[in-house]
Amino acid sequence: MSHTVVYNSKLHIVEAKLQGDMTLGEVEEIVTEIAKIAKEKDCRSIFIDFRKVSQKLSILEMYRLPDRAKNIFAAFSMNVLLYKRANVVAKDLDDYIFHENVMVNRGQNEKVFTDIDQAKEWLMETSPAQQSRLCACSYGYYPEEKRP
């Protein structure tokens, strides 16, 4: 699998583009690169382009991804629950929707799209200032004024 991970300073997002057969080890490598750049650039919005990925992970591997992402981000002293991820896909939409549901059920802020512009618009909906006022807790996201 080939991939690129870059910081888009114009939109203030980390962008990853993936191509080829996907394995769990490569996904972990990509998540590590994303976390590193997100920390360096103080960026909480992540855009991942899966449109040219030809092989997907197993259901069990997808189910384990939230914990793996959490641990990778924690290695950089980051809370994965404070980051917003938009994934763009071209095929296997049902599998990616399952992946989205698994991530969201574990408190992560992720959404799947088939349109790049819609994905980036969704990432921009919450400004960095608003994101910094969100707190992650065991129940999900709460603005400061609505913390349990």
Protein backbone atom coordinates (compact mmCIF):
# COMPACT_ATOMS: atom_id res chain seq x y z
CA MET A 1 0.00 0.00 0.00
CA SER A 2 1.24 3.46 -0.78
CA HIS A 3 0.13 6.54 1.08
CA THR A 4 0.82 10.19 1.72
CA VAL A 5 0.09 12.19 4.86
CA VAL A 6 0.41 15.97 4.67
CA TYR A 7 -0.74 19.07 6.51
CA ASN A 8 -3.04 21.36 4.51
CA SER A 9 -2.30 24.80 5.98
CA LYS A 10 -5.03 26.50 3.94
CA LEU A 11 -7.79 24.36 5.52
CA HIS A 12 -5.90 23.53 8.73
CA ILE A 13 -6.44 19.78 8.28
CA VAL A 14 -4.24 16.70 8.11
CA GLU A 15 -4.82 14.91 4.80
CA ALA A 16 -4.01 11.28 4.07
CA LYS A 17 -4.36 9.58 0.71
CA LEU A 18 -4.21 5.78 0.54
CA GLN A 19 -3.83 3.49 -2.45
CA GLY A 20 -3.62 -0.28 -2.91
CA ASP A 21 -4.13 -3.24 -0.60
CA MET A 22 -4.69 -2.29 3.02
CA THR A 23 -3.35 -4.27 5.99
CA LEU A 24 -3.76 -3.60 9.69
CA GLY A 25 -0.03 -2.93 10.10
CA GLU A 26 -0.12 -0.30 7.38
CA VAL A 27 -3.20 1.31 8.91
CA GLU A 28 -1.34 1.58 12.22
CA GLU A 29 1.63 3.17 10.43
CA ILE A 30 -0.66 5.71 8.74
CA VAL A 31 -2.48 6.53 11.99
CA THR A 32 0.91 7.09 13.63
CA GLU A 33 1.92 9.53 10.88
CA ILE A 34 -1.42 11.31 11.16
CA ALA A 35 -1.10 11.64 14.95
CA LYS A 36 2.45 12.96 14.66
CA ILE A 37 1.51 15.67 12.14
CA ALA A 38 -1.71 16.55 14.00
CA LYS A 39 0.31 17.12 17.16
CA GLU A 40 3.06 19.10 15.40
CA LYS A 41 0.51 21.38 13.70
CA ASP A 42 -1.99 21.51 16.59
CA CYS A 43 -4.67 20.30 14.19
CA ARG A 44 -7.80 18.39 15.20
CA SER A 45 -9.33 17.81 11.75
CA ILE A 46 -8.29 14.77 9.72
CA PHE A 47 -9.28 13.91 6.14
CA ILE A 48 -8.57 10.40 4.79
CA ASP A 49 -9.08 9.43 1.14
CA PHE A 50 -9.81 5.68 0.81
CA ARG A 51 -11.11 5.87 -2.78
CA LYS A 52 -8.20 3.91 -4.26
CA VAL A 53 -7.96 1.25 -1.56
CA SER A 54 -8.53 -2.16 -3.13
CA GLN A 55 -8.57 -4.46 -0.13
CA LYS A 56 -10.33 -3.88 3.13
CA LEU A 57 -9.78 -5.05 6.68
CA SER A 58 -11.70 -7.93 8.24
CA ILE A 59 -14.68 -7.22 10.49
CA LEU A 60 -12.60 -8.21 13.54
CA GLU A 61 -9.75 -5.87 12.51
CA MET A 62 -12.22 -3.00 12.01
CA TYR A 63 -13.73 -3.71 15.42
CA ARG A 64 -10.30 -3.40 17.04
CA LEU A 65 -9.34 -0.14 15.29
CA PRO A 66 -10.80 2.29 17.86
CA ASP A 67 -8.58 0.91 20.62
CA ARG A 68 -5.54 0.85 18.34
CA ALA A 69 -6.13 4.47 17.28
CA LYS A 70 -6.65 5.46 20.92
CA ASN A 71 -3.34 3.84 21.92
CA ILE A 72 -1.39 5.38 19.03
CA PHE A 73 -2.70 8.86 19.83
CA ALA A 74 -2.01 8.29 23.55
CA ALA A 75 1.63 7.51 22.69
CA PHE A 76 1.83 11.15 21.52
CA SER A 77 0.02 12.35 24.69
CA MET A 78 -3.10 13.01 22.63
CA ASN A 79 -6.73 12.07 23.29
CA VAL A 80 -8.17 10.57 20.10
CA LEU A 81 -11.67 11.58 21.23
CA LEU A 82 -10.82 15.23 20.59
CA TYR A 83 -10.13 14.72 16.86
CA LYS A 84 -12.59 14.82 13.97
CA ARG A 85 -12.04 12.44 11.02
CA ALA A 86 -13.72 12.44 7.60
CA ASN A 87 -13.19 9.38 5.40
CA VAL A 88 -13.94 9.47 1.67
CA VAL A 89 -14.68 6.18 -0.08
CA ALA A 90 -15.67 5.07 -3.58
CA LYS A 91 -16.77 1.48 -2.96
CA ASP A 92 -17.63 -0.95 -0.16
CA LEU A 93 -19.72 1.76 1.48
CA ASP A 94 -21.45 -0.70 3.84
CA ASP A 95 -18.11 -1.84 5.26
CA TYR A 96 -16.98 1.73 5.84
CA ILE A 97 -20.33 2.59 7.44
CA PHE A 98 -19.78 -0.36 9.81
CA HIS A 99 -16.32 1.03 10.55
CA GLU A 100 -17.84 4.47 11.22
CA ASN A 101 -20.40 2.96 13.60
CA VAL A 102 -17.71 1.10 15.52
CA MET A 103 -15.65 4.27 15.90
CA VAL A 104 -18.61 6.43 16.91
CA ASN A 105 -19.83 3.80 19.39
CA ARG A 106 -16.42 4.05 21.06
CA GLY A 107 -16.72 7.84 21.33
CA GLN A 108 -14.62 8.80 18.31
CA ASN A 109 -15.80 11.55 15.94
CA GLU A 110 -15.68 10.02 12.47
CA LYS A 111 -17.90 10.12 9.41
CA VAL A 112 -17.84 8.44 5.98
CA PHE A 113 -18.50 10.32 2.73
CA THR A 114 -18.48 9.60 -0.99
CA ASP A 115 -17.88 13.26 -1.89
CA ILE A 116 -14.60 15.06 -1.06
CA ASP A 117 -16.17 18.51 -0.82
CA GLN A 118 -18.88 17.33 1.60
CA ALA A 119 -16.25 15.65 3.75
CA LYS A 120 -14.14 18.78 3.98
CA GLU A 121 -17.20 20.94 4.64
CA TRP A 122 -18.14 18.65 7.54
CA LEU A 123 -14.63 18.97 8.96
CA MET A 124 -14.92 22.76 8.80
CA GLU A 125 -18.32 22.89 10.55
CA THR A 126 -16.72 23.15 13.96
CA SER A 127 -14.02 25.76 14.25
CA PRO A 128 -10.78 24.97 16.12
CA ALA A 129 -11.91 27.38 18.86
CA GLN A 130 -15.15 25.45 19.30
CA GLN A 131 -13.27 22.14 19.25
CA SER A 132 -10.96 23.28 22.03
CA ARG A 133 -14.00 23.92 24.24
CA LEU A 134 -15.19 20.35 23.81
CA CYS A 135 -14.26 17.88 26.47
CA ALA A 136 -14.03 14.16 26.02
CA CYS A 137 -15.48 12.06 28.73
CA SER A 138 -16.72 8.52 29.04
CA TYR A 139 -20.10 9.62 27.65
CA GLY A 140 -18.80 11.34 24.51
CA TYR A 141 -18.51 15.02 23.62
CA TYR A 142 -19.96 17.78 25.75
CA PRO A 143 -19.56 21.53 25.50
CA GLU A 144 -18.12 22.95 28.72
CA GLU A 145 -21.49 24.30 29.82
CA LYS A 146 -23.15 20.85 29.51
CA ARG A 147 -20.59 18.64 31.21
CA PRO A 148 -22.18 15.88 33.32
